[in-house]
Amino acid sequence: MLQIIPLTNIISCLNYIVMKKMLLTLFFPIILYADYDYSLQDYNSTSPTYGSDVWNPEYSDYITMHFFSSQG
């Protein structure tokens, strides 16, 4: 027996597939060509590395989160 699938289910499934492909197409080059080699000066006066450049390659064996912000 042939089962009939509603058209709205087919359209929503196609929309999901198209959106997934679009996101992968947009983000893959960003991840592929990203360069995480940088250093920033530590401005935290309570830090033991205050005034020195921190990052490379001190934390290369760790999973890190990169967050940039400004005061104000």
PDB file of N, CA and C in Angstrom:
ATOM      1  N   MET A   1       0.843  -1.177   0.000  1.00  0.00           N
ATOM      2  CA  MET A   1       0.000   0.000   0.000  1.00  0.00           C
ATOM      3  C   MET A   1       0.889   1.241   0.000  1.00  0.00           C
ATOM      4  N   LEU A   2       0.553   2.210  -0.778  1.00  0.00           N
ATOM      5  CA  LEU A   2       1.311   3.450  -0.919  1.00  0.00           C
ATOM      6  C   LEU A   2       0.848   4.462   0.122  1.00  0.00           C
ATOM      7  N   GLN A   3       1.811   5.003   0.855  1.00  0.00           N
ATOM      8  CA  GLN A   3       1.475   5.984   1.886  1.00  0.00           C
ATOM      9  C   GLN A   3       1.703   7.384   1.334  1.00  0.00           C
ATOM     10  N   ILE A   4       0.769   8.262   1.554  1.00  0.00           N
ATOM     11  CA  ILE A   4       0.867   9.643   1.071  1.00  0.00           C
ATOM     12  C   ILE A   4       1.403  10.517   2.201  1.00  0.00           C
ATOM     13  N   ILE A   5       2.497  11.239   1.900  1.00  0.00           N
ATOM     14  CA  ILE A   5       3.125  12.126   2.878  1.00  0.00           C
ATOM     15  C   ILE A   5       2.646  13.550   2.597  1.00  0.00           C
ATOM     16  N   PRO A   6       2.198  14.262   3.625  1.00  0.00           N
ATOM     17  CA  PRO A   6       1.736  15.639   3.412  1.00  0.00           C
ATOM     18  C   PRO A   6       2.844  16.525   2.833  1.00  0.00           C
ATOM     19  N   LEU A   7       2.450  17.423   1.968  1.00  0.00           N
ATOM     20  CA  LEU A   7       3.386  18.313   1.292  1.00  0.00           C
ATOM     21  C   LEU A   7       4.122  19.219   2.276  1.00  0.00           C
ATOM     22  N   THR A   8       3.491  19.625   3.349  1.00  0.00           N
ATOM     23  CA  THR A   8       4.146  20.496   4.325  1.00  0.00           C
ATOM     24  C   THR A   8       5.320  19.784   5.003  1.00  0.00           C
ATOM     25  N   ASN A   9       5.209  18.471   5.232  1.00  0.00           N
ATOM     26  CA  ASN A   9       6.316  17.719   5.823  1.00  0.00           C
ATOM     27  C   ASN A   9       7.496  17.645   4.865  1.00  0.00           C
ATOM     28  N   ILE A  10       7.216  17.471   3.596  1.00  0.00           N
ATOM     29  CA  ILE A  10       8.283  17.405   2.595  1.00  0.00           C
ATOM     30  C   ILE A  10       8.981  18.749   2.481  1.00  0.00           C
ATOM     31  N   ILE A  11       8.230  19.832   2.468  1.00  0.00           N
ATOM     32  CA  ILE A  11       8.806  21.179   2.346  1.00  0.00           C
ATOM     33  C   ILE A  11       9.647  21.516   3.573  1.00  0.00           C
ATOM     34  N   SER A  12       9.166  21.205   4.762  1.00  0.00           N
ATOM     35  CA  SER A  12       9.933  21.513   5.968  1.00  0.00           C
ATOM     36  C   SER A  12      11.222  20.693   6.014  1.00  0.00           C
ATOM     37  N   CYS A  13      11.187  19.463   5.558  1.00  0.00           N
ATOM     38  CA  CYS A  13      12.385  18.634   5.512  1.00  0.00           C
ATOM     39  C   CYS A  13      13.384  19.202   4.508  1.00  0.00           C
ATOM     40  N   LEU A  14      12.923  19.622   3.351  1.00  0.00           N
ATOM     41  CA  LEU A  14      13.798  20.229   2.348  1.00  0.00           C
ATOM     42  C   LEU A  14      14.386  21.542   2.851  1.00  0.00           C
ATOM     43  N   ASN A  15      13.584  22.336   3.550  1.00  0.00           N
ATOM     44  CA  ASN A  15      14.089  23.587   4.118  1.00  0.00           C
ATOM     45  C   ASN A  15      15.209  23.311   5.119  1.00  0.00           C
ATOM     46  N   TYR A  16      15.069  22.283   5.933  1.00  0.00           N
ATOM     47  CA  TYR A  16      16.095  21.918   6.907  1.00  0.00           C
ATOM     48  C   TYR A  16      17.384  21.512   6.195  1.00  0.00           C
ATOM     49  N   ILE A  17      17.259  20.707   5.149  1.00  0.00           N
ATOM     50  CA  ILE A  17      18.438  20.246   4.414  1.00  0.00           C
ATOM     51  C   ILE A  17      19.135  21.414   3.733  1.00  0.00           C
ATOM     52  N   VAL A  18      18.380  22.292   3.119  1.00  0.00           N
ATOM     53  CA  VAL A  18      18.961  23.455   2.434  1.00  0.00           C
ATOM     54  C   VAL A  18      19.645  24.371   3.444  1.00  0.00           C
ATOM     55  N   MET A  19      19.032  24.621   4.582  1.00  0.00           N
ATOM     56  CA  MET A  19      19.611  25.483   5.609  1.00  0.00           C
ATOM     57  C   MET A  19      20.904  24.878   6.158  1.00  0.00           C
ATOM     58  N   LYS A  20      20.899  23.582   6.365  1.00  0.00           N
ATOM     59  CA  LYS A  20      22.093  22.902   6.861  1.00  0.00           C
ATOM     60  C   LYS A  20      23.245  23.031   5.861  1.00  0.00           C
ATOM     61  N   LYS A  21      22.966  22.852   4.592  1.00  0.00           N
ATOM     62  CA  LYS A  21      23.997  22.994   3.564  1.00  0.00           C
ATOM     63  C   LYS A  21      24.506  24.425   3.479  1.00  0.00           C
ATOM     64  N   MET A  22      23.616  25.400   3.624  1.00  0.00           N
ATOM     65  CA  MET A  22      24.022  26.799   3.578  1.00  0.00           C
ATOM     66  C   MET A  22      24.952  27.130   4.746  1.00  0.00           C
ATOM     67  N   LEU A  23      24.615  26.690   5.934  1.00  0.00           N
ATOM     68  CA  LEU A  23      25.441  26.958   7.102  1.00  0.00           C
ATOM     69  C   LEU A  23      26.810  26.307   6.984  1.00  0.00           C
ATOM     70  N   LEU A  24      26.845  25.077   6.510  1.00  0.00           N
ATOM     71  CA  LEU A  24      28.131  24.410   6.322  1.00  0.00           C
ATOM     72  C   LEU A  24      28.975  25.120   5.270  1.00  0.00           C
ATOM     73  N   THR A  25      28.334  25.578   4.208  1.00  0.00           N
ATOM     74  CA  THR A  25      29.053  26.290   3.149  1.00  0.00           C
ATOM     75  C   THR A  25      29.610  27.611   3.649  1.00  0.00           C
ATOM     76  N   LEU A  26      28.888  28.288   4.513  1.00  0.00           N
ATOM     77  CA  LEU A  26      29.341  29.577   5.029  1.00  0.00           C
ATOM     78  C   LEU A  26      30.437  29.435   6.085  1.00  0.00           C
ATOM     79  N   PHE A  27      30.301  28.474   6.994  1.00  0.00           N
ATOM     80  CA  PHE A  27      31.212  28.385   8.133  1.00  0.00           C
ATOM     81  C   PHE A  27      32.445  27.529   7.888  1.00  0.00           C
ATOM     82  N   PHE A  28      32.409  26.626   6.941  1.00  0.00           N
ATOM     83  CA  PHE A  28      33.568  25.775   6.713  1.00  0.00           C
ATOM     84  C   PHE A  28      34.803  26.569   6.301  1.00  0.00           C
ATOM     85  N   PRO A  29      34.715  27.532   5.378  1.00  0.00           N
ATOM     86  CA  PRO A  29      35.922  28.308   5.045  1.00  0.00           C
ATOM     87  C   PRO A  29      36.450  29.125   6.214  1.00  0.00           C
ATOM     88  N   ILE A  30      35.583  29.595   7.069  1.00  0.00           N
ATOM     89  CA  ILE A  30      36.014  30.380   8.226  1.00  0.00           C
ATOM     90  C   ILE A  30      36.853  29.505   9.156  1.00  0.00           C
ATOM     91  N   ILE A  31      36.389  28.311   9.415  1.00  0.00           N
ATOM     92  CA  ILE A  31      37.114  27.392  10.296  1.00  0.00           C
ATOM     93  C   ILE A  31      38.398  26.916   9.625  1.00  0.00           C
ATOM     94  N   LEU A  32      38.334  26.677   8.334  1.00  0.00           N
ATOM     95  CA  LEU A  32      39.477  26.155   7.602  1.00  0.00           C
ATOM     96  C   LEU A  32      40.641  27.138   7.563  1.00  0.00           C
ATOM     97  N   TYR A  33      40.350  28.425   7.367  1.00  0.00           N
ATOM     98  CA  TYR A  33      41.400  29.424   7.211  1.00  0.00           C
ATOM     99  C   TYR A  33      41.631  30.283   8.442  1.00  0.00           C
ATOM    100  N   ALA A  34      41.054  29.905   9.559  1.00  0.00           N
ATOM    101  CA  ALA A  34      41.221  30.690  10.783  1.00  0.00           C
ATOM    102  C   ALA A  34      42.653  30.590  11.294  1.00  0.00           C
ATOM    103  N   ASP A  35      43.164  31.708  11.772  1.00  0.00           N
ATOM    104  CA  ASP A  35      44.519  31.745  12.328  1.00  0.00           C
ATOM    105  C   ASP A  35      44.419  32.208  13.772  1.00  0.00           C
ATOM    106  N   TYR A  36      44.709  31.313  14.693  1.00  0.00           N
ATOM    107  CA  TYR A  36      44.568  31.625  16.104  1.00  0.00           C
ATOM    108  C   TYR A  36      45.898  31.977  16.758  1.00  0.00           C
ATOM    109  N   ASP A  37      46.914  32.258  15.983  1.00  0.00           N
ATOM    110  CA  ASP A  37      48.199  32.662  16.541  1.00  0.00           C
ATOM    111  C   ASP A  37      48.215  34.166  16.757  1.00  0.00           C
ATOM    112  N   TYR A  38      48.023  34.572  17.952  1.00  0.00           N
ATOM    113  CA  TYR A  38      48.057  35.985  18.315  1.00  0.00           C
ATOM    114  C   TYR A  38      48.417  36.093  19.781  1.00  0.00           C
ATOM    115  N   SER A  39      48.745  37.283  20.201  1.00  0.00           N
ATOM    116  CA  SER A  39      48.979  37.509  21.622  1.00  0.00           C
ATOM    117  C   SER A  39      48.431  38.883  21.985  1.00  0.00           C
ATOM    118  N   LEU A  40      48.013  39.011  23.208  1.00  0.00           N
ATOM    119  CA  LEU A  40      47.467  40.261  23.723  1.00  0.00           C
ATOM    120  C   LEU A  40      48.135  40.583  25.050  1.00  0.00           C
ATOM    121  N   GLN A  41      48.222  41.859  25.328  1.00  0.00           N
ATOM    122  CA  GLN A  41      48.813  42.267  26.596  1.00  0.00           C
ATOM    123  C   GLN A  41      47.805  42.065  27.719  1.00  0.00           C
ATOM    124  N   ASP A  42      48.289  41.543  28.838  1.00  0.00           N
ATOM    125  CA  ASP A  42      47.449  41.312  30.009  1.00  0.00           C
ATOM    126  C   ASP A  42      47.320  42.614  30.794  1.00  0.00           C
ATOM    127  N   TYR A  43      46.100  43.164  30.871  1.00  0.00           N
ATOM    128  CA  TYR A  43      45.844  44.420  31.583  1.00  0.00           C
ATOM    129  C   TYR A  43      45.247  44.199  32.973  1.00  0.00           C
ATOM    130  N   ASN A  44      45.117  42.950  33.394  1.00  0.00           N
ATOM    131  CA  ASN A  44      44.562  42.633  34.702  1.00  0.00           C
ATOM    132  C   ASN A  44      45.660  42.790  35.754  1.00  0.00           C
ATOM    133  N   SER A  45      45.552  43.808  36.598  1.00  0.00           N
ATOM    134  CA  SER A  45      46.609  44.106  37.573  1.00  0.00           C
ATOM    135  C   SER A  45      46.751  43.032  38.652  1.00  0.00           C
ATOM    136  N   THR A  46      45.756  42.177  38.828  1.00  0.00           N
ATOM    137  CA  THR A  46      45.843  41.117  39.833  1.00  0.00           C
ATOM    138  C   THR A  46      46.397  39.815  39.247  1.00  0.00           C
ATOM    139  N   SER A  47      46.671  39.808  37.962  1.00  0.00           N
ATOM    140  CA  SER A  47      47.158  38.607  37.296  1.00  0.00           C
ATOM    141  C   SER A  47      48.672  38.478  37.447  1.00  0.00           C
ATOM    142  N   PRO A  48      49.179  37.250  37.570  1.00  0.00           N
ATOM    143  CA  PRO A  48      50.635  37.075  37.658  1.00  0.00           C
ATOM    144  C   PRO A  48      51.359  37.425  36.350  1.00  0.00           C
ATOM    145  N   THR A  49      50.634  37.478  35.245  1.00  0.00           N
ATOM    146  CA  THR A  49      51.253  37.827  33.954  1.00  0.00           C
ATOM    147  C   THR A  49      50.944  39.267  33.556  1.00  0.00           C
ATOM    148  N   TYR A  50      50.609  40.109  34.529  1.00  0.00           N
ATOM    149  CA  TYR A  50      50.245  41.508  34.253  1.00  0.00           C
ATOM    150  C   TYR A  50      51.358  42.225  33.484  1.00  0.00           C
ATOM    151  N   GLY A  51      50.975  42.900  32.417  1.00  0.00           N
ATOM    152  CA  GLY A  51      51.910  43.692  31.635  1.00  0.00           C
ATOM    153  C   GLY A  51      52.630  42.924  30.538  1.00  0.00           C
ATOM    154  N   SER A  52      52.532  41.616  30.544  1.00  0.00           N
ATOM    155  CA  SER A  52      53.223  40.841  29.514  1.00  0.00           C
ATOM    156  C   SER A  52      52.226  40.339  28.475  1.00  0.00           C
ATOM    157  N   ASP A  53      52.748  39.941  27.329  1.00  0.00           N
ATOM    158  CA  ASP A  53      51.901  39.367  26.287  1.00  0.00           C
ATOM    159  C   ASP A  53      51.584  37.923  26.658  1.00  0.00           C
ATOM    160  N   VAL A  54      50.332  37.595  26.596  1.00  0.00           N
ATOM    161  CA  VAL A  54      49.908  36.233  26.925  1.00  0.00           C
ATOM    162  C   VAL A  54      49.271  35.590  25.706  1.00  0.00           C
ATOM    163  N   TRP A  55      49.361  34.332  25.622  1.00  0.00           N
ATOM    164  CA  TRP A  55      48.699  33.408  24.749  1.00  0.00           C
ATOM    165  C   TRP A  55      49.655  32.449  24.070  1.00  0.00           C
ATOM    166  N   ASN A  56      50.416  32.903  23.149  1.00  0.00           N
ATOM    167  CA  ASN A  56      51.097  31.973  22.260  1.00  0.00           C
ATOM    168  C   ASN A  56      52.465  31.593  22.783  1.00  0.00           C
ATOM    169  N   PRO A  57      52.864  30.394  22.904  1.00  0.00           N
ATOM    170  CA  PRO A  57      52.144  29.119  22.787  1.00  0.00           C
ATOM    171  C   PRO A  57      51.815  28.524  24.148  1.00  0.00           C
ATOM    172  N   GLU A  58      51.694  29.372  25.151  1.00  0.00           N
ATOM    173  CA  GLU A  58      51.537  28.911  26.536  1.00  0.00           C
ATOM    174  C   GLU A  58      50.330  27.994  26.735  1.00  0.00           C
ATOM    175  N   TYR A  59      49.227  28.251  26.039  1.00  0.00           N
ATOM    176  CA  TYR A  59      48.006  27.477  26.241  1.00  0.00           C
ATOM    177  C   TYR A  59      47.686  26.591  25.045  1.00  0.00           C
ATOM    178  N   SER A  60      48.685  26.144  24.296  1.00  0.00           N
ATOM    179  CA  SER A  60      48.425  25.378  23.075  1.00  0.00           C
ATOM    180  C   SER A  60      47.857  23.985  23.339  1.00  0.00           C
ATOM    181  N   ASP A  61      48.043  23.427  24.518  1.00  0.00           N
ATOM    182  CA  ASP A  61      47.523  22.092  24.815  1.00  0.00           C
ATOM    183  C   ASP A  61      46.162  22.124  25.516  1.00  0.00           C
ATOM    184  N   TYR A  62      45.530  23.271  25.542  1.00  0.00           N
ATOM    185  CA  TYR A  62      44.250  23.424  26.231  1.00  0.00           C
ATOM    186  C   TYR A  62      43.154  23.796  25.250  1.00  0.00           C
ATOM    187  N   ILE A  63      41.922  23.478  25.603  1.00  0.00           N
ATOM    188  CA  ILE A  63      40.769  23.972  24.859  1.00  0.00           C
ATOM    189  C   ILE A  63      40.481  25.360  25.403  1.00  0.00           C
ATOM    190  N   THR A  64      40.410  26.348  24.528  1.00  0.00           N
ATOM    191  CA  THR A  64      40.222  27.730  24.969  1.00  0.00           C
ATOM    192  C   THR A  64      38.982  28.342  24.352  1.00  0.00           C
ATOM    193  N   MET A  65      38.469  29.364  25.012  1.00  0.00           N
ATOM    194  CA  MET A  65      37.363  30.145  24.496  1.00  0.00           C
ATOM    195  C   MET A  65      37.892  31.548  24.231  1.00  0.00           C
ATOM    196  N   HIS A  66      37.640  32.065  23.057  1.00  0.00           N
ATOM    197  CA  HIS A  66      38.139  33.381  22.676  1.00  0.00           C
ATOM    198  C   HIS A  66      36.993  34.384  22.789  1.00  0.00           C
ATOM    199  N   PHE A  67      37.186  35.382  23.641  1.00  0.00           N
ATOM    200  CA  PHE A  67      36.142  36.377  23.874  1.00  0.00           C
ATOM    201  C   PHE A  67      36.795  37.741  23.938  1.00  0.00           C
ATOM    202  N   PHE A  68      36.325  38.647  23.136  1.00  0.00           N
ATOM    203  CA  PHE A  68      36.867  40.005  23.112  1.00  0.00           C
ATOM    204  C   PHE A  68      35.768  40.973  23.501  1.00  0.00           C
ATOM    205  N   SER A  69      36.106  41.897  24.364  1.00  0.00           N
ATOM    206  CA  SER A  69      35.123  42.856  24.840  1.00  0.00           C
ATOM    207  C   SER A  69      35.813  44.174  25.139  1.00  0.00           C
ATOM    208  N   SER A  70      35.022  45.195  25.327  1.00  0.00           N
ATOM    209  CA  SER A  70      35.563  46.476  25.742  1.00  0.00           C
ATOM    210  C   SER A  70      34.719  47.019  26.874  1.00  0.00           C
ATOM    211  N   GLN A  71      35.330  47.842  27.690  1.00  0.00           N
ATOM    212  CA  GLN A  71      34.590  48.443  28.791  1.00  0.00           C
ATOM    213  C   GLN A  71      33.795  49.634  28.261  1.00  0.00           C
ATOM    214  N   GLY A  72      32.575  49.715  28.696  1.00  0.00           N
ATOM    215  CA  GLY A  72      31.791  50.878  28.338  1.00  0.00           C
ATOM    216  C   GLY A  72      30.641  50.634  27.468  1.00  0.00           C
TER     217      GLY A  72
END
